[in-house]
Amino acid sequence: GSRPTRGWLAASQALLKPPPARAALRRMLERLTEDLRRNDRVPAMPFAMLHSQLGQREQAFAWLERALMEHDPVLLLVRVHPYFDSLRADPRLEPLLRRAGV
């Protein structure tokens, strides 16, 4: 089985807290990217969450599409979690969530 990576754990724990400062978000994103480069299994949702918080909507949507392909149940949180507030006005969000069955 796959084990959670350092970057994934940090990003997952961040979901339970208020949004951190941009520098901390960038550090988490760097850790996740490092994990991904090492070919560790890293789910798409932490990337989507961090890119959304950094205002990088194009990257966030690319990772949400990947999360959809992974059938990630965390997609259920996109409508309500503050980390995804920056995406809610985007017309791409509702069709993506409908495809996910959310």
Protein backbone atom coordinates (compact mmCIF):
# COMPACT_ATOMS: atom_id res chain seq x y z
CA GLY A 1 0.00 0.00 0.00
CA SER A 2 0.97 3.59 -0.29
CA ARG A 3 1.95 5.65 2.71
CA PRO A 4 1.23 9.34 3.20
CA THR A 5 4.13 11.62 2.36
CA ARG A 6 5.44 14.49 4.44
CA GLY A 7 4.00 17.11 2.12
CA TRP A 8 0.64 15.39 1.93
CA LEU A 9 0.41 15.18 5.72
CA ALA A 10 1.26 18.87 6.13
CA ALA A 11 -1.31 19.89 3.54
CA SER A 12 -3.97 17.60 5.05
CA GLN A 13 -3.39 18.97 8.53
CA ALA A 14 -3.69 22.48 7.12
CA LEU A 15 -7.29 21.74 6.07
CA LEU A 16 -8.20 21.65 9.75
CA LYS A 17 -6.73 25.07 10.55
CA PRO A 18 -7.25 28.65 9.39
CA PRO A 19 -5.33 29.47 6.20
CA PRO A 20 -1.62 29.96 6.89
CA ALA A 21 0.48 32.81 5.57
CA ARG A 22 1.41 32.75 1.87
CA ALA A 23 5.03 31.85 2.69
CA ALA A 24 3.87 28.79 4.62
CA LEU A 25 1.56 27.81 1.74
CA ARG A 26 4.48 28.06 -0.69
CA ARG A 27 6.65 25.90 1.59
CA MET A 28 3.92 23.23 1.74
CA LEU A 29 3.61 23.34 -2.03
CA GLU A 30 7.39 22.96 -2.38
CA ARG A 31 7.32 19.91 -0.07
CA LEU A 32 4.50 18.32 -2.04
CA THR A 33 6.29 18.97 -5.32
CA GLU A 34 9.45 17.43 -3.84
CA ASP A 35 7.44 14.36 -2.81
CA LEU A 36 5.97 14.13 -6.29
CA ARG A 37 9.44 14.37 -7.87
CA ARG A 38 10.55 11.43 -5.73
CA ASN A 39 7.67 9.47 -7.25
CA ASP A 40 5.88 9.24 -3.92
CA ARG A 41 2.12 8.79 -4.18
CA VAL A 42 0.73 12.28 -3.64
CA PRO A 43 -3.02 12.89 -4.04
CA ALA A 44 -4.12 15.82 -6.18
CA MET A 45 -6.32 17.59 -3.61
CA PRO A 46 -3.53 19.08 -1.49
CA PHE A 47 -2.08 20.63 -4.66
CA ALA A 48 -5.51 22.00 -5.62
CA MET A 49 -6.01 23.38 -2.12
CA LEU A 50 -2.64 25.14 -2.01
CA HIS A 51 -2.88 26.58 -5.51
CA SER A 52 -6.37 27.86 -4.71
CA GLN A 53 -5.12 29.58 -1.56
CA LEU A 54 -2.24 31.14 -3.49
CA GLY A 55 -4.69 32.52 -6.06
CA GLN A 56 -3.31 30.26 -8.80
CA ARG A 57 -6.66 29.27 -10.25
CA GLU A 58 -5.42 27.62 -13.45
CA GLN A 59 -3.16 25.28 -11.49
CA ALA A 60 -5.89 24.66 -8.91
CA PHE A 61 -8.33 23.58 -11.63
CA ALA A 62 -5.75 21.34 -13.27
CA TRP A 63 -5.27 19.55 -9.92
CA LEU A 64 -9.03 19.40 -9.31
CA GLU A 65 -9.41 17.64 -12.66
CA ARG A 66 -6.77 15.16 -11.53
CA ALA A 67 -8.58 14.70 -8.19
CA LEU A 68 -11.73 13.95 -10.16
CA MET A 69 -9.88 11.21 -12.07
CA GLU A 70 -8.61 9.86 -8.72
CA HIS A 71 -12.20 9.80 -7.36
CA ASP A 72 -10.96 11.77 -4.35
CA PRO A 73 -13.74 12.06 -1.73
CA VAL A 74 -12.24 15.36 -0.53
CA LEU A 75 -13.93 16.94 -3.58
CA LEU A 76 -16.99 17.04 -1.31
CA LEU A 77 -15.32 19.86 0.64
CA VAL A 78 -14.75 22.15 -2.33
CA ARG A 79 -18.21 23.74 -2.03
CA VAL A 80 -17.83 24.59 1.66
CA HIS A 81 -14.19 24.75 2.76
CA PRO A 82 -12.73 28.28 2.89
CA TYR A 83 -9.55 27.07 1.18
CA PHE A 84 -11.53 26.91 -2.06
CA ASP A 85 -13.29 30.29 -1.75
CA SER A 86 -11.21 31.76 -4.57
CA LEU A 87 -12.61 29.18 -7.01
CA ARG A 88 -16.33 29.45 -6.28
CA ALA A 89 -17.02 32.35 -8.66
CA ASP A 90 -15.24 30.58 -11.52
CA PRO A 91 -17.73 29.14 -14.05
CA ARG A 92 -15.62 25.96 -14.37
CA LEU A 93 -16.28 24.88 -10.80
CA GLU A 94 -19.94 23.83 -10.96
CA PRO A 95 -19.55 21.63 -14.07
CA LEU A 96 -16.50 19.96 -12.49
CA LEU A 97 -18.38 19.27 -9.25
CA ARG A 98 -21.38 17.94 -11.19
CA ARG A 99 -19.08 15.53 -13.03
CA ALA A 100 -17.79 14.46 -9.62
CA GLY A 101 -21.35 13.87 -8.43
CA VAL A 102 -21.02 16.52 -5.74
